[in-house]
Amino acid sequence: MSTSHSDLFFDVHTITDHIANLREDAAATQPIALPSLPEAGPVAALSAAVHAAVAAINEHTDLLAREAHRTAANMEAFTTGALRVDTSTARVFEGVAP
């Protein structure tokens, strides 16, 4: 993906920017860190529930970041394929053009 536009005006620069932004967003996700909460006393159950909720959110955050990286890789592969089709189509049109 070295050109800014392909033969039939496939905007590679914008696509590359979107893929890079997706990867940056995925890399920027950080787990939530909780301060020390009481494990005994009247708020012990609440503390345990908060810890469980934060653990679940952190797990989902990790899954989402991995999925975003996988999606970016797929976008890159599909863009490469689309550029090949775009380029070969443009060559065919050049042969048909007067």
Protein backbone atom coordinates (compact mmCIF):
# COMPACT_ATOMS: atom_id res chain seq x y z
CA MET A 1 0.00 0.00 0.00
CA SER A 2 2.56 2.51 -1.12
CA THR A 3 0.43 4.87 -3.22
CA SER A 4 -2.05 7.42 -1.97
CA HIS A 5 -4.63 6.41 -4.58
CA SER A 6 -4.95 3.34 -6.73
CA ASP A 7 -5.69 3.27 -10.43
CA LEU A 8 -9.44 3.77 -10.01
CA PHE A 9 -9.21 6.14 -7.04
CA PHE A 10 -9.15 3.68 -4.16
CA ASP A 11 -8.13 5.99 -1.29
CA VAL A 12 -5.32 4.00 0.30
CA HIS A 13 -4.13 6.86 2.50
CA THR A 14 -7.47 7.14 4.30
CA ILE A 15 -7.76 3.37 4.69
CA THR A 16 -4.22 3.15 6.06
CA ASP A 17 -5.01 5.94 8.53
CA HIS A 18 -8.15 4.15 9.74
CA ILE A 19 -6.26 0.89 10.21
CA ALA A 20 -3.49 2.67 12.11
CA ASN A 21 -6.06 4.44 14.31
CA LEU A 22 -7.75 1.14 15.07
CA ARG A 23 -4.43 -0.41 16.08
CA GLU A 24 -3.51 2.63 18.20
CA ASP A 25 -6.87 2.54 19.98
CA ALA A 26 -6.50 -1.18 20.65
CA ALA A 27 -2.98 -0.69 21.99
CA ALA A 28 -4.13 2.17 24.22
CA THR A 29 -6.68 0.11 26.13
CA GLN A 30 -5.62 -0.29 29.73
CA PRO A 31 -7.10 -2.45 32.47
CA ILE A 32 -8.86 -0.71 35.31
CA ALA A 33 -6.86 -0.70 38.53
CA LEU A 34 -8.81 -0.52 41.75
CA PRO A 35 -7.61 1.04 44.97
CA SER A 36 -7.48 -1.21 47.98
CA LEU A 37 -11.01 -1.96 49.14
CA PRO A 38 -11.99 -3.48 52.49
CA GLU A 39 -12.34 -7.25 52.41
CA ALA A 40 -14.14 -7.47 55.74
CA GLY A 41 -16.87 -5.61 57.50
CA PRO A 42 -20.13 -4.13 56.26
CA VAL A 43 -18.82 -3.34 52.74
CA ALA A 44 -17.08 -6.66 52.12
CA ALA A 45 -19.83 -7.94 49.81
CA LEU A 46 -19.87 -4.68 47.87
CA SER A 47 -16.08 -4.76 47.60
CA ALA A 48 -16.18 -8.33 46.26
CA ALA A 49 -18.86 -7.38 43.73
CA VAL A 50 -16.84 -4.38 42.55
CA HIS A 51 -13.72 -6.53 42.18
CA ALA A 52 -15.68 -9.14 40.19
CA ALA A 53 -17.20 -6.47 37.95
CA VAL A 54 -13.83 -4.83 37.28
CA ALA A 55 -12.25 -8.23 36.54
CA ALA A 56 -15.01 -8.93 34.01
CA ILE A 57 -14.58 -5.51 32.40
CA ASN A 58 -10.82 -5.99 32.18
CA GLU A 59 -11.33 -9.38 30.54
CA HIS A 60 -13.72 -7.87 27.99
CA THR A 61 -11.30 -5.00 27.37
CA ASP A 62 -8.55 -7.49 26.58
CA LEU A 63 -10.84 -9.45 24.25
CA LEU A 64 -11.91 -6.23 22.51
CA ALA A 65 -8.30 -5.11 22.01
CA ARG A 66 -7.36 -8.49 20.51
CA GLU A 67 -10.40 -8.38 18.24
CA ALA A 68 -9.50 -4.87 17.10
CA HIS A 69 -5.99 -6.03 16.18
CA ARG A 70 -7.47 -9.01 14.30
CA THR A 71 -9.90 -6.71 12.50
CA ALA A 72 -7.06 -4.36 11.51
CA ALA A 73 -5.11 -7.28 10.06
CA ASN A 74 -8.20 -8.36 8.10
CA MET A 75 -8.74 -4.81 6.86
CA GLU A 76 -5.17 -4.75 5.62
CA ALA A 77 -5.58 -8.08 3.81
CA PHE A 78 -8.87 -7.01 2.23
CA THR A 79 -7.40 -3.67 1.20
CA THR A 80 -4.49 -5.42 -0.50
CA GLY A 81 -6.92 -7.67 -2.36
CA ALA A 82 -9.15 -4.77 -3.34
CA LEU A 83 -6.15 -2.85 -4.65
CA ARG A 84 -5.18 -5.82 -6.82
CA VAL A 85 -8.70 -6.04 -8.24
CA ASP A 86 -8.80 -2.27 -8.68
CA THR A 87 -5.48 -2.22 -10.51
CA SER A 88 -6.34 -5.13 -12.81
CA THR A 89 -9.76 -3.58 -13.57
CA ALA A 90 -8.11 -0.28 -14.43
CA ARG A 91 -5.77 -2.11 -16.84
CA VAL A 92 -8.75 -3.76 -18.53
CA PHE A 93 -10.50 -0.39 -18.86
CA GLU A 94 -7.36 1.12 -20.38
CA GLY A 95 -7.50 -1.58 -23.07
CA VAL A 96 -11.16 -0.74 -23.80
CA ALA A 97 -10.83 3.05 -23.70
CA PRO A 98 -10.67 4.83 -27.10
